[in-house]
């Protein structure tokens, strides 16, 4: 191996080490209120004045039914989501396999006699192999999320369903906790008190997390992320 080849190998290994360190030191993106557009508050649409004002007291752009309830139905209306999420998942797997193989090949003969050395056959072949594997794994996860969050209507679909989105932030001690939710709600599922269960939201996207010292204490350090990164060769 020439000196140039050794230099290239050392340079490639150094670059790989730097890439692994950078991957291990990479931190999660900063989360703050309004950092994700999918959960931002949606303001109501501005009414558009009619082309011809007929001078009446009640205009089309601001008309309100006398017998309508206060359920969310327009863009910008607020809706309270009652969180009732509970999930339990368990998984276990067992696997076992074994394989045995034996191969024997008789020694060839030359002029009717076996080829030997000091009276021992030198081309006699006997091969045997045995392989066993056993594996077992199990996983269990349980989540519980209760509470409520008030969101806004971001879009009214052609069939009348409401696309809702919003977030809720709470500052506790030296950190903040947040709940984010987005999904599609049927108007018929909204109760008389303008609430809907989170289990009745279609295409629901819920996120719960926190920031600050408490959240940082639950995340691994840069050394742990480095040794657990996909770039670590061992």
Protein backbone atom coordinates (compact mmCIF):
# COMPACT_ATOMS: atom_id res chain seq x y z
CA UNK A 1 0.00 0.00 0.00
CA UNK A 2 1.43 3.31 -1.06
CA UNK A 3 1.58 6.45 1.05
CA UNK A 4 -1.08 8.09 -1.14
CA UNK A 5 -3.51 5.21 -0.54
CA UNK A 6 -2.89 5.34 3.20
CA UNK A 7 -3.57 9.09 3.18
CA UNK A 8 -6.86 8.57 1.31
CA UNK A 9 -7.97 5.86 3.76
CA UNK A 10 -7.15 8.03 6.76
CA UNK A 11 -8.94 11.00 5.20
CA UNK A 12 -12.05 8.91 4.47
CA UNK A 13 -12.11 7.54 8.02
CA UNK A 14 -11.71 11.04 9.45
CA UNK A 15 -14.61 12.36 7.34
CA UNK A 16 -16.78 9.42 8.42
CA UNK A 17 -15.99 10.14 12.07
CA UNK A 18 -16.86 13.82 11.66
CA UNK A 19 -20.17 12.91 9.98
CA UNK A 20 -21.03 10.51 12.81
CA UNK A 21 -20.22 13.16 15.41
CA UNK A 22 -22.39 15.71 13.64
CA UNK A 23 -25.24 13.21 13.42
CA UNK A 24 -24.91 12.43 17.11
CA UNK A 25 -24.75 16.07 18.12
CA UNK A 26 -27.78 17.05 16.04
CA UNK A 27 -30.62 18.13 18.29
CA UNK A 28 -34.35 18.17 17.77
CA UNK A 29 -35.86 21.21 16.08
CA UNK A 30 -36.86 24.04 18.39
CA UNK A 31 -40.55 23.95 19.28
CA UNK A 32 -42.40 27.13 20.25
CA UNK A 33 -45.89 28.51 19.94
CA UNK A 34 -46.73 29.02 16.28
CA UNK A 35 -43.66 27.13 15.02
CA UNK A 36 -45.83 24.74 12.99
CA UNK A 37 -48.30 26.29 10.54
CA UNK A 38 -50.53 23.21 10.69
CA UNK A 39 -51.64 24.12 14.23
CA UNK A 40 -51.84 27.90 14.04
CA UNK A 41 -55.02 29.75 14.91
CA UNK A 42 -57.18 30.57 11.90
CA UNK A 43 -58.92 33.97 11.94
CA UNK A 44 -62.47 34.31 10.56
CA UNK A 45 -62.90 35.35 6.97
CA UNK A 46 -63.53 39.01 6.32
CA UNK A 47 -67.06 39.65 5.00
CA UNK A 48 -67.30 41.03 1.50
CA UNK A 49 -69.74 43.85 0.90
CA UNK A 50 -72.40 43.19 -1.75
CA UNK A 51 -72.15 44.97 -5.05
CA UNK A 52 -75.59 46.56 -4.64
CA UNK A 53 -76.62 47.73 -1.20
CA UNK A 54 -80.40 47.65 -1.01
CA UNK A 55 -80.43 49.79 2.14
CA UNK A 56 -82.09 47.20 4.40
CA UNK A 57 -81.12 46.68 8.03
CA UNK A 58 -80.07 43.03 7.54
CA UNK A 59 -77.39 42.50 4.90
CA UNK A 60 -76.38 39.20 3.32
CA UNK A 61 -72.81 39.45 4.48
CA UNK A 62 -73.76 39.76 8.15
CA UNK A 63 -76.97 37.83 8.31
CA UNK A 64 -77.55 35.65 11.38
CA UNK A 65 -80.32 33.15 11.75
CA UNK A 66 -82.63 33.83 14.65
CA UNK A 67 -82.89 30.19 15.59
CA UNK A 68 -79.32 29.00 15.02
CA UNK A 69 -77.29 27.49 17.84
CA UNK A 70 -73.71 28.39 18.71
CA UNK A 71 -71.98 25.39 17.18
CA UNK A 72 -68.85 25.93 15.10
CA UNK A 73 -69.66 25.98 11.41
CA UNK A 74 -67.62 28.74 9.76
CA UNK A 75 -63.93 29.42 9.27
CA UNK A 76 -62.56 31.02 12.40
CA UNK A 77 -65.22 29.63 14.76
CA UNK A 78 -63.92 28.01 17.94
CA UNK A 79 -64.57 24.42 18.95
CA UNK A 80 -63.65 22.63 22.18
CA UNK A 81 -62.11 19.18 21.79
CA UNK A 82 -62.42 16.82 24.76
CA UNK A 83 -59.33 14.63 24.82
CA UNK A 84 -60.16 11.01 25.59
CA UNK A 85 -57.21 9.11 24.16
CA UNK A 86 -56.26 5.74 25.62
CA UNK A 87 -54.14 3.21 23.77
CA UNK A 88 -52.73 -0.13 24.85
CA UNK A 89 -50.50 -2.22 22.62
CA UNK A 90 -48.71 -5.48 23.29
CA UNK A 91 -46.62 -7.61 20.99
CA UNK A 92 -44.59 -10.75 21.49
CA UNK A 93 -42.75 -13.03 19.11
CA UNK A 94 -40.83 -16.28 19.42
CA UNK A 95 -38.72 -17.87 16.74
CA UNK A 96 -36.55 -20.98 16.65
CA UNK A 97 -34.80 -22.80 13.84
CA UNK A 98 -32.21 -25.54 13.48
CA UNK A 99 -30.39 -27.12 10.60
CA UNK A 100 -28.01 -30.08 10.40
CA UNK A 101 -26.00 -31.13 7.37
CA UNK A 102 -23.56 -34.00 6.76
CA UNK A 103 -21.50 -34.57 3.64
CA UNK A 104 -19.19 -37.55 3.13
CA UNK A 105 -17.13 -38.11 0.03
CA UNK A 106 -15.20 -41.33 -0.37
CA UNK A 107 -11.55 -41.08 -1.32
CA UNK A 108 -10.91 -41.54 -5.03
CA UNK A 109 -8.90 -44.54 -6.18
CA UNK A 110 -5.97 -44.64 -8.53
CA UNK A 111 -5.31 -47.91 -10.38
CA UNK A 112 -7.71 -49.60 -8.00
CA UNK A 113 -5.99 -48.38 -4.86
CA UNK A 114 -6.70 -45.44 -2.57
CA UNK A 115 -4.30 -42.55 -2.58
CA UNK A 116 -2.61 -42.60 0.83
CA UNK A 117 0.23 -41.02 2.66
CA UNK A 118 1.92 -43.10 5.32
CA UNK A 119 -1.00 -45.49 5.09
CA UNK A 120 -3.68 -42.79 5.60
CA UNK A 121 -6.07 -41.66 2.85
CA UNK A 122 -5.47 -38.02 1.99
CA UNK A 123 -8.53 -37.35 -0.18
CA UNK A 124 -11.17 -38.74 2.15
CA UNK A 125 -13.67 -35.93 2.97
CA UNK A 126 -16.18 -35.77 5.81
CA UNK A 127 -18.00 -32.48 6.48
CA UNK A 128 -20.72 -31.85 9.07
CA UNK A 129 -22.45 -28.65 10.09
CA UNK A 130 -25.02 -27.76 12.70
CA UNK A 131 -26.81 -24.46 13.18
CA UNK A 132 -29.33 -23.42 15.83
CA UNK A 133 -31.17 -20.14 16.35
CA UNK A 134 -33.57 -19.01 19.04
CA UNK A 135 -35.10 -15.56 19.37
CA UNK A 136 -37.67 -14.00 21.63
CA UNK A 137 -39.00 -10.46 21.84
CA UNK A 138 -41.83 -8.57 23.47
CA UNK A 139 -43.04 -4.99 23.59
CA UNK A 140 -45.75 -3.19 25.53
CA UNK A 141 -46.95 0.41 25.37
CA UNK A 142 -49.73 2.29 27.09
CA UNK A 143 -50.75 5.93 26.61
CA UNK A 144 -53.36 8.07 28.32
CA UNK A 145 -54.27 11.64 27.37
CA UNK A 146 -57.16 13.44 29.02
CA UNK A 147 -58.19 17.08 29.12
CA UNK A 148 -59.56 19.61 26.66
CA UNK A 149 -58.29 22.05 24.07
CA UNK A 150 -60.16 24.75 22.17
CA UNK A 151 -59.26 25.07 18.48
CA UNK A 152 -60.47 27.02 15.47
CA UNK A 153 -62.05 25.97 12.19
CA UNK A 154 -59.46 26.30 9.44
CA UNK A 155 -61.54 25.13 6.49
CA UNK A 156 -65.08 24.09 5.59
CA UNK A 157 -65.05 21.26 3.08
CA UNK A 158 -67.53 20.83 0.25
CA UNK A 159 -69.52 18.21 2.18
CA UNK A 160 -69.77 20.43 5.27
CA UNK A 161 -67.05 18.77 7.35
CA UNK A 162 -64.82 21.08 9.36
CA UNK A 163 -61.03 21.02 9.31
CA UNK A 164 -59.92 22.10 12.78
CA UNK A 165 -56.47 22.95 14.12
CA UNK A 166 -54.98 24.57 17.17
CA UNK A 167 -52.52 24.30 20.03
CA UNK A 168 -52.48 24.87 23.77
CA UNK A 169 -49.42 25.91 25.78
CA UNK A 170 -49.02 25.75 29.55
CA UNK A 171 -46.03 27.09 31.46
CA UNK A 172 -45.19 24.90 34.45
CA UNK A 173 -42.23 25.80 36.68
CA UNK A 174 -39.20 26.19 34.38
CA UNK A 175 -40.66 24.66 31.25
CA UNK A 176 -43.65 24.66 28.96
CA UNK A 177 -45.95 21.85 27.90
CA UNK A 178 -48.04 21.92 24.76
CA UNK A 179 -50.84 20.02 23.08
CA UNK A 180 -51.43 20.26 19.35
CA UNK A 181 -54.30 18.82 17.39
CA UNK A 182 -55.54 18.83 13.82
CA UNK A 183 -58.21 16.81 12.04
CA UNK A 184 -61.63 16.67 10.40
CA UNK A 185 -64.92 16.89 12.34
CA UNK A 186 -68.45 16.16 11.20
CA UNK A 187 -70.95 18.83 12.29
CA UNK A 188 -73.33 16.10 13.47
CA UNK A 189 -70.73 14.94 16.03
CA UNK A 190 -70.55 18.36 17.69
CA UNK A 191 -72.56 18.48 20.91
CA UNK A 192 -74.98 21.16 22.00
CA UNK A 193 -72.24 22.67 24.19
CA UNK A 194 -69.95 23.06 21.14
CA UNK A 195 -67.66 20.18 22.11
CA UNK A 196 -66.50 17.06 20.30
CA UNK A 197 -64.59 14.01 21.47
CA UNK A 198 -61.08 13.52 20.14
CA UNK A 199 -62.04 9.94 19.22
CA UNK A 200 -64.57 11.34 16.72
CA UNK A 201 -61.97 13.35 14.79
CA UNK A 202 -60.98 11.88 11.43
CA UNK A 203 -57.36 11.98 10.26
CA UNK A 204 -56.46 13.20 13.75
CA UNK A 205 -52.95 14.47 14.41
CA UNK A 206 -52.20 14.89 18.10
CA UNK A 207 -48.89 15.97 19.55
CA UNK A 208 -47.97 16.30 23.21
CA UNK A 209 -44.57 17.43 24.39
CA UNK A 210 -42.66 19.97 26.40
CA UNK A 211 -39.72 22.30 26.48
CA UNK A 212 -37.30 23.39 29.18
CA UNK A 213 -35.09 21.59 31.69
CA UNK A 214 -37.54 18.77 32.38
CA UNK A 215 -37.87 17.89 28.70
CA UNK A 216 -34.11 18.12 28.19
CA UNK A 217 -33.46 15.77 31.11
CA UNK A 218 -35.50 13.08 29.34
CA UNK A 219 -33.48 13.31 26.10
CA UNK A 220 -30.12 11.52 25.64
CA UNK A 221 -26.89 13.48 25.51
CA UNK A 222 -24.77 14.01 22.42
CA UNK A 223 -22.51 11.04 23.25
CA UNK A 224 -25.48 8.67 23.51
CA UNK A 225 -26.92 10.00 20.24
CA UNK A 226 -23.52 9.50 18.60
CA UNK A 227 -23.18 5.86 19.65
CA UNK A 228 -26.81 5.15 18.73
CA UNK A 229 -26.67 6.88 15.35
CA UNK A 230 -26.86 4.80 12.14
CA UNK A 231 -23.37 6.03 11.18
CA UNK A 232 -21.75 4.22 14.11
CA UNK A 233 -20.14 1.15 12.49
CA UNK A 234 -20.28 -1.20 15.50
